[in-house]
Amino acid sequence: MTWRLLTATTGKNQPSIIFISCWAKSNASSVFIFDDIHWSAEMEEAWEEIRKHPAVTLSIDLFFIGLVFFDPSIKVKQEFVIQF
């Protein structure tokens, strides 16, 4: 299996723009990593928009970063918040 990985460290309001532009190139083995998802209210809004996208099947909130997966074998959308 070949994994596709996108990491994004962006300014305000840009994560959702990057997500939409890169989403078209994603596949079942893609993982998108977003930095500073709780840095500002705008970043939290962008994170909400990204994790609620219909193509996202799994999201993991690690506070400093957020991970999203597109694996269609995950039939029920799963969202995790890991507190450590």
PDB file of N, CA and C in Angstrom:
ATOM      1  N   MET A   1       0.839  -1.175   0.000  1.00  0.00           N
ATOM      2  CA  MET A   1       0.000   0.000   0.000  1.00  0.00           C
ATOM      3  C   MET A   1       0.889   1.245   0.000  1.00  0.00           C
ATOM      4  N   THR A   2       0.559   2.195  -0.804  1.00  0.00           N
ATOM      5  CA  THR A   2       1.262   3.465  -0.852  1.00  0.00           C
ATOM      6  C   THR A   2       0.430   4.503  -0.130  1.00  0.00           C
ATOM      7  N   TRP A   3       1.053   5.194   0.828  1.00  0.00           N
ATOM      8  CA  TRP A   3       0.356   6.225   1.583  1.00  0.00           C
ATOM      9  C   TRP A   3       0.647   7.586   0.975  1.00  0.00           C
ATOM     10  N   ARG A   4      -0.365   8.413   0.939  1.00  0.00           N
ATOM     11  CA  ARG A   4      -0.206   9.811   0.543  1.00  0.00           C
ATOM     12  C   ARG A   4      -0.360  10.657   1.789  1.00  0.00           C
ATOM     13  N   LEU A   5       0.545  11.573   1.970  1.00  0.00           N
ATOM     14  CA  LEU A   5       0.557  12.378   3.182  1.00  0.00           C
ATOM     15  C   LEU A   5       0.617  13.850   2.806  1.00  0.00           C
ATOM     16  N   LEU A   6      -0.278  14.622   3.386  1.00  0.00           N
ATOM     17  CA  LEU A   6      -0.266  16.077   3.214  1.00  0.00           C
ATOM     18  C   LEU A   6      -0.130  16.695   4.590  1.00  0.00           C
ATOM     19  N   THR A   7       0.848  17.573   4.753  1.00  0.00           N
ATOM     20  CA  THR A   7       0.955  18.343   5.986  1.00  0.00           C
ATOM     21  C   THR A   7       0.704  19.798   5.635  1.00  0.00           C
ATOM     22  N   ALA A   8      -0.021  20.479   6.493  1.00  0.00           N
ATOM     23  CA  ALA A   8      -0.375  21.876   6.211  1.00  0.00           C
ATOM     24  C   ALA A   8      -0.144  22.732   7.442  1.00  0.00           C
ATOM     25  N   THR A   9       0.723  23.691   7.300  1.00  0.00           N
ATOM     26  CA  THR A   9       0.898  24.739   8.294  1.00  0.00           C
ATOM     27  C   THR A   9       0.571  26.028   7.557  1.00  0.00           C
ATOM     28  N   THR A  10      -0.531  26.643   7.924  1.00  0.00           N
ATOM     29  CA  THR A  10      -1.037  27.763   7.133  1.00  0.00           C
ATOM     30  C   THR A  10      -1.430  28.922   8.020  1.00  0.00           C
ATOM     31  N   GLY A  11      -1.770  30.007   7.379  1.00  0.00           N
ATOM     32  CA  GLY A  11      -2.289  31.169   8.081  1.00  0.00           C
ATOM     33  C   GLY A  11      -3.780  31.024   8.309  1.00  0.00           C
ATOM     34  N   LYS A  12      -4.394  32.079   8.760  1.00  0.00           N
ATOM     35  CA  LYS A  12      -5.825  32.093   9.050  1.00  0.00           C
ATOM     36  C   LYS A  12      -6.634  31.717   7.817  1.00  0.00           C
ATOM     37  N   ASN A  13      -7.681  30.949   8.034  1.00  0.00           N
ATOM     38  CA  ASN A  13      -8.670  30.595   7.017  1.00  0.00           C
ATOM     39  C   ASN A  13      -8.133  29.786   5.839  1.00  0.00           C
ATOM     40  N   GLN A  14      -6.859  29.519   5.769  1.00  0.00           N
ATOM     41  CA  GLN A  14      -6.316  28.787   4.639  1.00  0.00           C
ATOM     42  C   GLN A  14      -6.453  27.271   4.729  1.00  0.00           C
ATOM     43  N   PRO A  15      -6.547  26.663   5.908  1.00  0.00           N
ATOM     44  CA  PRO A  15      -6.625  25.199   5.926  1.00  0.00           C
ATOM     45  C   PRO A  15      -7.769  24.646   5.095  1.00  0.00           C
ATOM     46  N   SER A  16      -8.925  25.264   5.151  1.00  0.00           N
ATOM     47  CA  SER A  16     -10.051  24.741   4.381  1.00  0.00           C
ATOM     48  C   SER A  16      -9.823  24.916   2.883  1.00  0.00           C
ATOM     49  N   ILE A  17      -9.137  25.995   2.484  1.00  0.00           N
ATOM     50  CA  ILE A  17      -8.817  26.203   1.066  1.00  0.00           C
ATOM     51  C   ILE A  17      -7.835  25.133   0.596  1.00  0.00           C
ATOM     52  N   ILE A  18      -6.800  24.878   1.378  1.00  0.00           N
ATOM     53  CA  ILE A  18      -5.836  23.832   1.037  1.00  0.00           C
ATOM     54  C   ILE A  18      -6.524  22.477   1.001  1.00  0.00           C
ATOM     55  N   PHE A  19      -7.384  22.211   1.969  1.00  0.00           N
ATOM     56  CA  PHE A  19      -8.094  20.934   2.007  1.00  0.00           C
ATOM     57  C   PHE A  19      -8.888  20.713   0.724  1.00  0.00           C
ATOM     58  N   ILE A  20      -9.682  21.681   0.326  1.00  0.00           N
ATOM     59  CA  ILE A  20     -10.525  21.534  -0.861  1.00  0.00           C
ATOM     60  C   ILE A  20      -9.660  21.330  -2.106  1.00  0.00           C
ATOM     61  N   SER A  21      -8.568  22.070  -2.237  1.00  0.00           N
ATOM     62  CA  SER A  21      -7.735  21.931  -3.428  1.00  0.00           C
ATOM     63  C   SER A  21      -6.981  20.607  -3.457  1.00  0.00           C
ATOM     64  N   CYS A  22      -6.625  20.063  -2.308  1.00  0.00           N
ATOM     65  CA  CYS A  22      -5.886  18.789  -2.265  1.00  0.00           C
ATOM     66  C   CYS A  22      -6.806  17.578  -2.195  1.00  0.00           C
ATOM     67  N   TRP A  23      -8.016  17.783  -1.730  1.00  0.00           N
ATOM     68  CA  TRP A  23      -8.946  16.670  -1.556  1.00  0.00           C
ATOM     69  C   TRP A  23      -9.168  15.915  -2.865  1.00  0.00           C
ATOM     70  N   ALA A  24      -9.220  16.624  -3.970  1.00  0.00           N
ATOM     71  CA  ALA A  24      -9.447  15.985  -5.271  1.00  0.00           C
ATOM     72  C   ALA A  24      -8.351  14.974  -5.616  1.00  0.00           C
ATOM     73  N   LYS A  25      -7.175  15.119  -5.024  1.00  0.00           N
ATOM     74  CA  LYS A  25      -6.065  14.207  -5.299  1.00  0.00           C
ATOM     75  C   LYS A  25      -5.925  13.135  -4.222  1.00  0.00           C
ATOM     76  N   SER A  26      -6.821  13.115  -3.276  1.00  0.00           N
ATOM     77  CA  SER A  26      -6.727  12.133  -2.190  1.00  0.00           C
ATOM     78  C   SER A  26      -7.249  10.781  -2.662  1.00  0.00           C
ATOM     79  N   ASN A  27      -6.878   9.753  -1.917  1.00  0.00           N
ATOM     80  CA  ASN A  27      -7.418   8.421  -2.152  1.00  0.00           C
ATOM     81  C   ASN A  27      -7.592   7.733  -0.804  1.00  0.00           C
ATOM     82  N   ALA A  28      -7.917   6.462  -0.823  1.00  0.00           N
ATOM     83  CA  ALA A  28      -8.217   5.739   0.412  1.00  0.00           C
ATOM     84  C   ALA A  28      -7.026   5.685   1.369  1.00  0.00           C
ATOM     85  N   SER A  29      -5.818   5.848   0.858  1.00  0.00           N
ATOM     86  CA  SER A  29      -4.650   5.779   1.729  1.00  0.00           C
ATOM     87  C   SER A  29      -4.066   7.161   2.048  1.00  0.00           C
ATOM     88  N   SER A  30      -4.821   8.204   1.764  1.00  0.00           N
ATOM     89  CA  SER A  30      -4.344   9.560   2.053  1.00  0.00           C
ATOM     90  C   SER A  30      -4.549   9.915   3.522  1.00  0.00           C
ATOM     91  N   VAL A  31      -3.602  10.661   4.045  1.00  0.00           N
ATOM     92  CA  VAL A  31      -3.689  11.209   5.397  1.00  0.00           C
ATOM     93  C   VAL A  31      -3.326  12.681   5.297  1.00  0.00           C
ATOM     94  N   PHE A  32      -4.205  13.548   5.766  1.00  0.00           N
ATOM     95  CA  PHE A  32      -3.925  14.974   5.800  1.00  0.00           C
ATOM     96  C   PHE A  32      -3.661  15.361   7.252  1.00  0.00           C
ATOM     97  N   ILE A  33      -2.607  16.126   7.475  1.00  0.00           N
ATOM     98  CA  ILE A  33      -2.246  16.584   8.818  1.00  0.00           C
ATOM     99  C   ILE A  33      -2.298  18.110   8.828  1.00  0.00           C
ATOM    100  N   PHE A  34      -3.082  18.640   9.748  1.00  0.00           N
ATOM    101  CA  PHE A  34      -3.223  20.094   9.880  1.00  0.00           C
ATOM    102  C   PHE A  34      -2.646  20.532  11.214  1.00  0.00           C
ATOM    103  N   ASP A  35      -1.802  21.536  11.160  1.00  0.00           N
ATOM    104  CA  ASP A  35      -1.124  22.056  12.339  1.00  0.00           C
ATOM    105  C   ASP A  35      -1.946  23.182  12.977  1.00  0.00           C
ATOM    106  N   ASP A  36      -1.808  23.332  14.294  1.00  0.00           N
ATOM    107  CA  ASP A  36      -2.397  24.459  15.040  1.00  0.00           C
ATOM    108  C   ASP A  36      -3.914  24.570  14.880  1.00  0.00           C
ATOM    109  N   ILE A  37      -4.612  23.453  14.979  1.00  0.00           N
ATOM    110  CA  ILE A  37      -6.058  23.460  14.742  1.00  0.00           C
ATOM    111  C   ILE A  37      -6.837  24.208  15.814  1.00  0.00           C
ATOM    112  N   HIS A  38      -6.233  24.479  16.955  1.00  0.00           N
ATOM    113  CA  HIS A  38      -6.901  25.244  18.015  1.00  0.00           C
ATOM    114  C   HIS A  38      -6.203  26.587  18.260  1.00  0.00           C
ATOM    115  N   TRP A  39      -5.403  27.037  17.327  1.00  0.00           N
ATOM    116  CA  TRP A  39      -4.620  28.263  17.473  1.00  0.00           C
ATOM    117  C   TRP A  39      -5.499  29.501  17.567  1.00  0.00           C
ATOM    118  N   SER A  40      -6.601  29.526  16.823  1.00  0.00           N
ATOM    119  CA  SER A  40      -7.493  30.684  16.823  1.00  0.00           C
ATOM    120  C   SER A  40      -8.913  30.210  16.535  1.00  0.00           C
ATOM    121  N   ALA A  41      -9.854  31.090  16.703  1.00  0.00           N
ATOM    122  CA  ALA A  41     -11.253  30.750  16.404  1.00  0.00           C
ATOM    123  C   ALA A  41     -11.410  30.393  14.926  1.00  0.00           C
ATOM    124  N   GLU A  42     -10.687  31.091  14.058  1.00  0.00           N
ATOM    125  CA  GLU A  42     -10.754  30.805  12.622  1.00  0.00           C
ATOM    126  C   GLU A  42     -10.219  29.414  12.306  1.00  0.00           C
ATOM    127  N   MET A  43      -9.118  29.046  12.972  1.00  0.00           N
ATOM    128  CA  MET A  43      -8.546  27.716  12.752  1.00  0.00           C
ATOM    129  C   MET A  43      -9.486  26.629  13.272  1.00  0.00           C
ATOM    130  N   GLU A  44     -10.147  26.875  14.395  1.00  0.00           N
ATOM    131  CA  GLU A  44     -11.108  25.899  14.904  1.00  0.00           C
ATOM    132  C   GLU A  44     -12.290  25.745  13.960  1.00  0.00           C
ATOM    133  N   GLU A  45     -12.746  26.845  13.375  1.00  0.00           N
ATOM    134  CA  GLU A  45     -13.829  26.775  12.389  1.00  0.00           C
ATOM    135  C   GLU A  45     -13.397  25.983  11.161  1.00  0.00           C
ATOM    136  N   ALA A  46     -12.170  26.234  10.700  1.00  0.00           N
ATOM    137  CA  ALA A  46     -11.653  25.491   9.545  1.00  0.00           C
ATOM    138  C   ALA A  46     -11.548  24.007   9.864  1.00  0.00           C
ATOM    139  N   TRP A  47     -11.076  23.655  11.072  1.00  0.00           N
ATOM    140  CA  TRP A  47     -10.961  22.259  11.480  1.00  0.00           C
ATOM    141  C   TRP A  47     -12.345  21.599  11.504  1.00  0.00           C
ATOM    142  N   GLU A  48     -13.338  22.294  12.031  1.00  0.00           N
ATOM    143  CA  GLU A  48     -14.709  21.770  12.035  1.00  0.00           C
ATOM    144  C   GLU A  48     -15.195  21.490  10.619  1.00  0.00           C
ATOM    145  N   GLU A  49     -14.963  22.433   9.720  1.00  0.00           N
ATOM    146  CA  GLU A  49     -15.383  22.288   8.327  1.00  0.00           C
ATOM    147  C   GLU A  49     -14.691  21.095   7.668  1.00  0.00           C
ATOM    148  N   ILE A  50     -13.401  20.956   7.918  1.00  0.00           N
ATOM    149  CA  ILE A  50     -12.632  19.859   7.321  1.00  0.00           C
ATOM    150  C   ILE A  50     -13.114  18.513   7.844  1.00  0.00           C
ATOM    151  N   ARG A  51     -13.220  18.364   9.160  1.00  0.00           N
ATOM    152  CA  ARG A  51     -13.577  17.045   9.694  1.00  0.00           C
ATOM    153  C   ARG A  51     -15.013  16.645   9.378  1.00  0.00           C
ATOM    154  N   LYS A  52     -15.876  17.597   9.070  1.00  0.00           N
ATOM    155  CA  LYS A  52     -17.267  17.286   8.719  1.00  0.00           C
ATOM    156  C   LYS A  52     -17.459  17.034   7.225  1.00  0.00           C
ATOM    157  N   HIS A  53     -16.404  17.210   6.442  1.00  0.00           N
ATOM    158  CA  HIS A  53     -16.506  16.976   4.996  1.00  0.00           C
ATOM    159  C   HIS A  53     -16.947  15.524   4.758  1.00  0.00           C
ATOM    160  N   PRO A  54     -17.862  15.285   3.826  1.00  0.00           N
ATOM    161  CA  PRO A  54     -18.386  13.930   3.593  1.00  0.00           C
ATOM    162  C   PRO A  54     -17.324  12.892   3.214  1.00  0.00           C
ATOM    163  N   ALA A  55     -16.217  13.307   2.617  1.00  0.00           N
ATOM    164  CA  ALA A  55     -15.177  12.352   2.212  1.00  0.00           C
ATOM    165  C   ALA A  55     -14.318  11.890   3.386  1.00  0.00           C
ATOM    166  N   VAL A  56     -14.310  12.659   4.477  1.00  0.00           N
ATOM    167  CA  VAL A  56     -13.495  12.306   5.647  1.00  0.00           C
ATOM    168  C   VAL A  56     -14.205  11.201   6.413  1.00  0.00           C
ATOM    169  N   THR A  57     -13.498  10.079   6.593  1.00  0.00           N
ATOM    170  CA  THR A  57     -14.108   8.948   7.314  1.00  0.00           C
ATOM    171  C   THR A  57     -13.603   8.828   8.744  1.00  0.00           C
ATOM    172  N   LEU A  58     -12.447   9.427   9.023  1.00  0.00           N
ATOM    173  CA  LEU A  58     -11.865   9.353  10.357  1.00  0.00           C
ATOM    174  C   LEU A  58     -11.104  10.647  10.620  1.00  0.00           C
ATOM    175  N   SER A  59     -11.364  11.260  11.772  1.00  0.00           N
ATOM    176  CA  SER A  59     -10.582  12.434  12.171  1.00  0.00           C
ATOM    177  C   SER A  59     -10.075  12.227  13.592  1.00  0.00           C
ATOM    178  N   ILE A  60      -8.860  12.702  13.818  1.00  0.00           N
ATOM    179  CA  ILE A  60      -8.240  12.588  15.138  1.00  0.00           C
ATOM    180  C   ILE A  60      -7.713  13.964  15.526  1.00  0.00           C
ATOM    181  N   ASP A  61      -8.201  14.475  16.634  1.00  0.00           N
ATOM    182  CA  ASP A  61      -7.796  15.773  17.174  1.00  0.00           C
ATOM    183  C   ASP A  61      -6.761  15.505  18.268  1.00  0.00           C
ATOM    184  N   LEU A  62      -5.506  15.888  18.004  1.00  0.00           N
ATOM    185  CA  LEU A  62      -4.432  15.746  18.989  1.00  0.00           C
ATOM    186  C   LEU A  62      -4.089  17.086  19.636  1.00  0.00           C
ATOM    187  N   PHE A  63      -5.010  18.016  19.568  1.00  0.00           N
ATOM    188  CA  PHE A  63      -4.936  19.395  20.039  1.00  0.00           C
ATOM    189  C   PHE A  63      -3.983  20.242  19.204  1.00  0.00           C
ATOM    190  N   PHE A  64      -2.713  19.904  19.136  1.00  0.00           N
ATOM    191  CA  PHE A  64      -1.774  20.699  18.345  1.00  0.00           C
ATOM    192  C   PHE A  64      -1.905  20.416  16.853  1.00  0.00           C
ATOM    193  N   ILE A  65      -2.292  19.196  16.509  1.00  0.00           N
ATOM    194  CA  ILE A  65      -2.487  18.820  15.112  1.00  0.00           C
ATOM    195  C   ILE A  65      -3.783  18.039  14.966  1.00  0.00           C
ATOM    196  N   GLY A  66      -4.289  18.040  13.754  1.00  0.00           N
ATOM    197  CA  GLY A  66      -5.468  17.238  13.431  1.00  0.00           C
ATOM    198  C   GLY A  66      -5.148  16.334  12.253  1.00  0.00           C
ATOM    199  N   LEU A  67      -5.613  15.098  12.306  1.00  0.00           N
ATOM    200  CA  LEU A  67      -5.395  14.120  11.249  1.00  0.00           C
ATOM    201  C   LEU A  67      -6.734  13.769  10.617  1.00  0.00           C
ATOM    202  N   VAL A  68      -6.774  13.688   9.301  1.00  0.00           N
ATOM    203  CA  VAL A  68      -7.987  13.225   8.628  1.00  0.00           C
ATOM    204  C   VAL A  68      -7.631  12.122   7.641  1.00  0.00           C
ATOM    205  N   PHE A  69      -8.512  11.125   7.572  1.00  0.00           N
ATOM    206  CA  PHE A  69      -8.343   9.954   6.723  1.00  0.00           C
ATOM    207  C   PHE A  69      -9.554   9.830   5.809  1.00  0.00           C
ATOM    208  N   PHE A  70      -9.369   9.160   4.683  1.00  0.00           N
ATOM    209  CA  PHE A  70     -10.411   9.040   3.657  1.00  0.00           C
ATOM    210  C   PHE A  70     -10.709   7.583   3.312  1.00  0.00           C
ATOM    211  N   ASP A  71     -10.513   6.678   4.220  1.00  0.00           N
ATOM    212  CA  ASP A  71     -10.622   5.248   3.967  1.00  0.00           C
ATOM    213  C   ASP A  71     -12.087   4.821   3.834  1.00  0.00           C
ATOM    214  N   PRO A  72     -12.531   4.437   2.634  1.00  0.00           N
ATOM    215  CA  PRO A  72     -13.935   4.062   2.452  1.00  0.00           C
ATOM    216  C   PRO A  72     -14.321   2.758   3.151  1.00  0.00           C
ATOM    217  N   SER A  73     -13.333   1.994   3.617  1.00  0.00           N
ATOM    218  CA  SER A  73     -13.671   0.778   4.363  1.00  0.00           C
ATOM    219  C   SER A  73     -14.211   1.114   5.761  1.00  0.00           C
ATOM    220  N   ILE A  74     -14.000   2.350   6.210  1.00  0.00           N
ATOM    221  CA  ILE A  74     -14.598   2.823   7.463  1.00  0.00           C
ATOM    222  C   ILE A  74     -16.002   3.286   7.112  1.00  0.00           C
ATOM    223  N   LYS A  75     -16.976   2.484   7.430  1.00  0.00           N
ATOM    224  CA  LYS A  75     -18.355   2.733   6.995  1.00  0.00           C
ATOM    225  C   LYS A  75     -19.066   3.805   7.810  1.00  0.00           C
ATOM    226  N   VAL A  76     -18.706   3.939   9.070  1.00  0.00           N
ATOM    227  CA  VAL A  76     -19.326   4.944   9.936  1.00  0.00           C
ATOM    228  C   VAL A  76     -18.253   5.967  10.298  1.00  0.00           C
ATOM    229  N   LYS A  77     -18.540   7.226  10.014  1.00  0.00           N
ATOM    230  CA  LYS A  77     -17.577   8.292  10.309  1.00  0.00           C
ATOM    231  C   LYS A  77     -17.190   8.237  11.778  1.00  0.00           C
ATOM    232  N   GLN A  78     -15.875   8.344  12.038  1.00  0.00           N
ATOM    233  CA  GLN A  78     -15.370   8.299  13.401  1.00  0.00           C
ATOM    234  C   GLN A  78     -14.576   9.569  13.680  1.00  0.00           C
ATOM    235  N   GLU A  79     -14.791  10.128  14.862  1.00  0.00           N
ATOM    236  CA  GLU A  79     -14.093  11.344  15.277  1.00  0.00           C
ATOM    237  C   GLU A  79     -13.545  11.124  16.681  1.00  0.00           C
ATOM    238  N   PHE A  80     -12.248  11.339  16.822  1.00  0.00           N
ATOM    239  CA  PHE A  80     -11.612  11.129  18.122  1.00  0.00           C
ATOM    240  C   PHE A  80     -10.911  12.400  18.575  1.00  0.00           C
ATOM    241  N   VAL A  81     -10.958  12.640  19.867  1.00  0.00           N
ATOM    242  CA  VAL A  81     -10.193  13.716  20.498  1.00  0.00           C
ATOM    243  C   VAL A  81      -9.316  13.024  21.528  1.00  0.00           C
ATOM    244  N   ILE A  82      -8.011  13.116  21.344  1.00  0.00           N
ATOM    245  CA  ILE A  82      -7.066  12.479  22.252  1.00  0.00           C
ATOM    246  C   ILE A  82      -6.536  13.546  23.199  1.00  0.00           C
ATOM    247  N   GLN A  83      -6.770  13.356  24.480  1.00  0.00           N
ATOM    248  CA  GLN A  83      -6.286  14.300  25.473  1.00  0.00           C
ATOM    249  C   GLN A  83      -5.126  13.661  26.220  1.00  0.00           C
ATOM    250  N   PHE A  84      -3.998  14.356  26.202  1.00  0.00           N
ATOM    251  CA  PHE A  84      -2.838  13.821  26.900  1.00  0.00           C
ATOM    252  C   PHE A  84      -2.091  14.914  27.602  1.00  0.00           C
TER     253      PHE A  84
END
